[in-house]
Amino acid sequence: MYATQADASGKRNWIEEFQARADRAFGYGNLIGHHTNLSLAGILQRLER
């Protein structure tokens, strides 16, 4: 289900996760999923600042 691994404490980097999901969606030809996941990663990046 997840595209990335959690760290030793079980935490996940959600920016990397959504970027990986976007890459996977693009690979499957799912352009809507690609755009959605990139948008979510962008929102998280702005919140992280």
N, C-alpha and C. Protein backbone atom coordinates (compact mmCIF):
# COMPACT_ATOMS: atom_id res chain seq x y z
N MET A 1 0.82 -1.18 0.00
CA MET A 1 0.00 0.00 0.00
C MET A 1 0.87 1.26 0.00
N TYR A 2 1.91 1.29 0.85
CA TYR A 2 2.79 2.45 0.90
C TYR A 2 3.88 2.32 -0.16
N ALA A 3 4.31 3.44 -0.69
CA ALA A 3 5.36 3.44 -1.71
C ALA A 3 6.74 3.63 -1.10
N THR A 4 6.80 4.06 0.16
CA THR A 4 8.08 4.28 0.83
C THR A 4 8.10 3.52 2.15
N GLN A 5 9.29 3.35 2.69
CA GLN A 5 9.45 2.66 3.96
C GLN A 5 9.39 3.65 5.12
N ALA A 6 8.87 3.20 6.24
CA ALA A 6 8.89 4.00 7.47
C ALA A 6 10.28 3.89 8.09
N ASP A 7 10.61 4.87 8.93
CA ASP A 7 11.91 4.81 9.62
C ASP A 7 11.82 3.83 10.78
N ALA A 8 12.88 3.73 11.55
CA ALA A 8 12.96 2.76 12.64
C ALA A 8 11.89 2.98 13.71
N SER A 9 11.46 4.21 13.87
CA SER A 9 10.43 4.50 14.88
C SER A 9 9.01 4.41 14.31
N GLY A 10 8.89 4.02 13.05
CA GLY A 10 7.58 3.85 12.43
C GLY A 10 7.02 5.10 11.78
N LYS A 11 7.82 6.16 11.75
CA LYS A 11 7.35 7.41 11.12
C LYS A 11 7.63 7.37 9.63
N ARG A 12 6.78 8.04 8.89
CA ARG A 12 6.89 8.06 7.43
C ARG A 12 7.05 9.50 6.96
N ASN A 13 7.91 9.71 5.97
CA ASN A 13 8.06 11.02 5.34
C ASN A 13 6.96 11.13 4.29
N TRP A 14 5.93 11.90 4.60
CA TRP A 14 4.76 11.95 3.74
C TRP A 14 5.01 12.71 2.44
N ILE A 15 5.95 13.63 2.43
CA ILE A 15 6.30 14.31 1.18
C ILE A 15 6.90 13.31 0.21
N GLU A 16 7.86 12.53 0.68
CA GLU A 16 8.46 11.49 -0.16
C GLU A 16 7.42 10.46 -0.58
N GLU A 17 6.51 10.12 0.32
CA GLU A 17 5.47 9.14 0.02
C GLU A 17 4.59 9.60 -1.15
N PHE A 18 4.11 10.85 -1.08
CA PHE A 18 3.23 11.34 -2.14
C PHE A 18 3.98 11.55 -3.45
N GLN A 19 5.26 11.90 -3.38
CA GLN A 19 6.05 12.01 -4.61
C GLN A 19 6.24 10.63 -5.24
N ALA A 20 6.47 9.62 -4.42
CA ALA A 20 6.62 8.25 -4.93
C ALA A 20 5.30 7.76 -5.52
N ARG A 21 4.20 8.09 -4.87
CA ARG A 21 2.89 7.70 -5.41
C ARG A 21 2.62 8.39 -6.74
N ALA A 22 3.05 9.66 -6.85
CA ALA A 22 2.89 10.38 -8.12
C ALA A 22 3.69 9.71 -9.22
N ASP A 23 4.92 9.32 -8.90
CA ASP A 23 5.77 8.63 -9.88
C ASP A 23 5.14 7.31 -10.31
N ARG A 24 4.60 6.58 -9.34
CA ARG A 24 3.97 5.29 -9.65
C ARG A 24 2.73 5.49 -10.52
N ALA A 25 1.92 6.50 -10.20
CA ALA A 25 0.72 6.78 -10.98
C ALA A 25 1.10 7.16 -12.42
N PHE A 26 2.14 7.97 -12.57
CA PHE A 26 2.60 8.36 -13.90
C PHE A 26 3.05 7.14 -14.69
N GLY A 27 3.75 6.24 -14.03
CA GLY A 27 4.21 5.02 -14.68
C GLY A 27 3.07 4.15 -15.19
N TYR A 28 1.94 4.20 -14.49
CA TYR A 28 0.75 3.45 -14.91
C TYR A 28 -0.10 4.23 -15.91
N GLY A 29 0.30 5.46 -16.22
CA GLY A 29 -0.49 6.28 -17.14
C GLY A 29 -1.66 6.98 -16.48
N ASN A 30 -1.66 7.02 -15.16
CA ASN A 30 -2.74 7.66 -14.40
C ASN A 30 -2.36 9.12 -14.16
N LEU A 31 -2.69 9.98 -15.12
CA LEU A 31 -2.27 11.37 -15.04
C LEU A 31 -3.03 12.15 -13.97
N ILE A 32 -4.27 11.79 -13.71
CA ILE A 32 -5.03 12.47 -12.65
C ILE A 32 -4.42 12.13 -11.29
N GLY A 33 -4.12 10.87 -11.05
CA GLY A 33 -3.48 10.46 -9.81
C GLY A 33 -2.11 11.10 -9.65
N HIS A 34 -1.38 11.20 -10.76
CA HIS A 34 -0.07 11.83 -10.75
C HIS A 34 -0.19 13.29 -10.30
N HIS A 35 -1.10 14.02 -10.91
CA HIS A 35 -1.30 15.43 -10.57
C HIS A 35 -1.77 15.60 -9.13
N THR A 36 -2.70 14.76 -8.70
CA THR A 36 -3.23 14.85 -7.33
C THR A 36 -2.13 14.62 -6.30
N ASN A 37 -1.33 13.59 -6.50
CA ASN A 37 -0.27 13.29 -5.54
C ASN A 37 0.83 14.34 -5.53
N LEU A 38 1.14 14.91 -6.70
CA LEU A 38 2.11 16.00 -6.74
C LEU A 38 1.57 17.23 -6.01
N SER A 39 0.28 17.49 -6.17
CA SER A 39 -0.34 18.62 -5.47
C SER A 39 -0.27 18.43 -3.96
N LEU A 40 -0.56 17.23 -3.50
CA LEU A 40 -0.49 16.94 -2.06
C LEU A 40 0.93 17.09 -1.53
N ALA A 41 1.91 16.62 -2.29
CA ALA A 41 3.30 16.78 -1.88
C ALA A 41 3.67 18.26 -1.80
N GLY A 42 3.19 19.05 -2.75
CA GLY A 42 3.46 20.48 -2.74
C GLY A 42 2.85 21.18 -1.54
N ILE A 43 1.64 20.80 -1.18
CA ILE A 43 0.98 21.38 -0.01
C ILE A 43 1.78 21.05 1.25
N LEU A 44 2.20 19.80 1.38
CA LEU A 44 2.99 19.41 2.55
C LEU A 44 4.32 20.14 2.60
N GLN A 45 4.93 20.37 1.45
CA GLN A 45 6.20 21.11 1.42
C GLN A 45 6.00 22.54 1.90
N ARG A 46 4.89 23.17 1.50
CA ARG A 46 4.62 24.54 1.95
C ARG A 46 4.34 24.57 3.45
N LEU A 47 3.64 23.57 3.96
CA LEU A 47 3.35 23.52 5.39
C LEU A 47 4.61 23.27 6.22
N GLU A 48 5.57 22.58 5.65
CA GLU A 48 6.79 22.24 6.36
C GLU A 48 7.68 23.46 6.60
N ARG A 49 7.55 24.49 5.80
CA ARG A 49 8.40 25.68 5.91
C ARG A 49 8.18 26.43 7.17
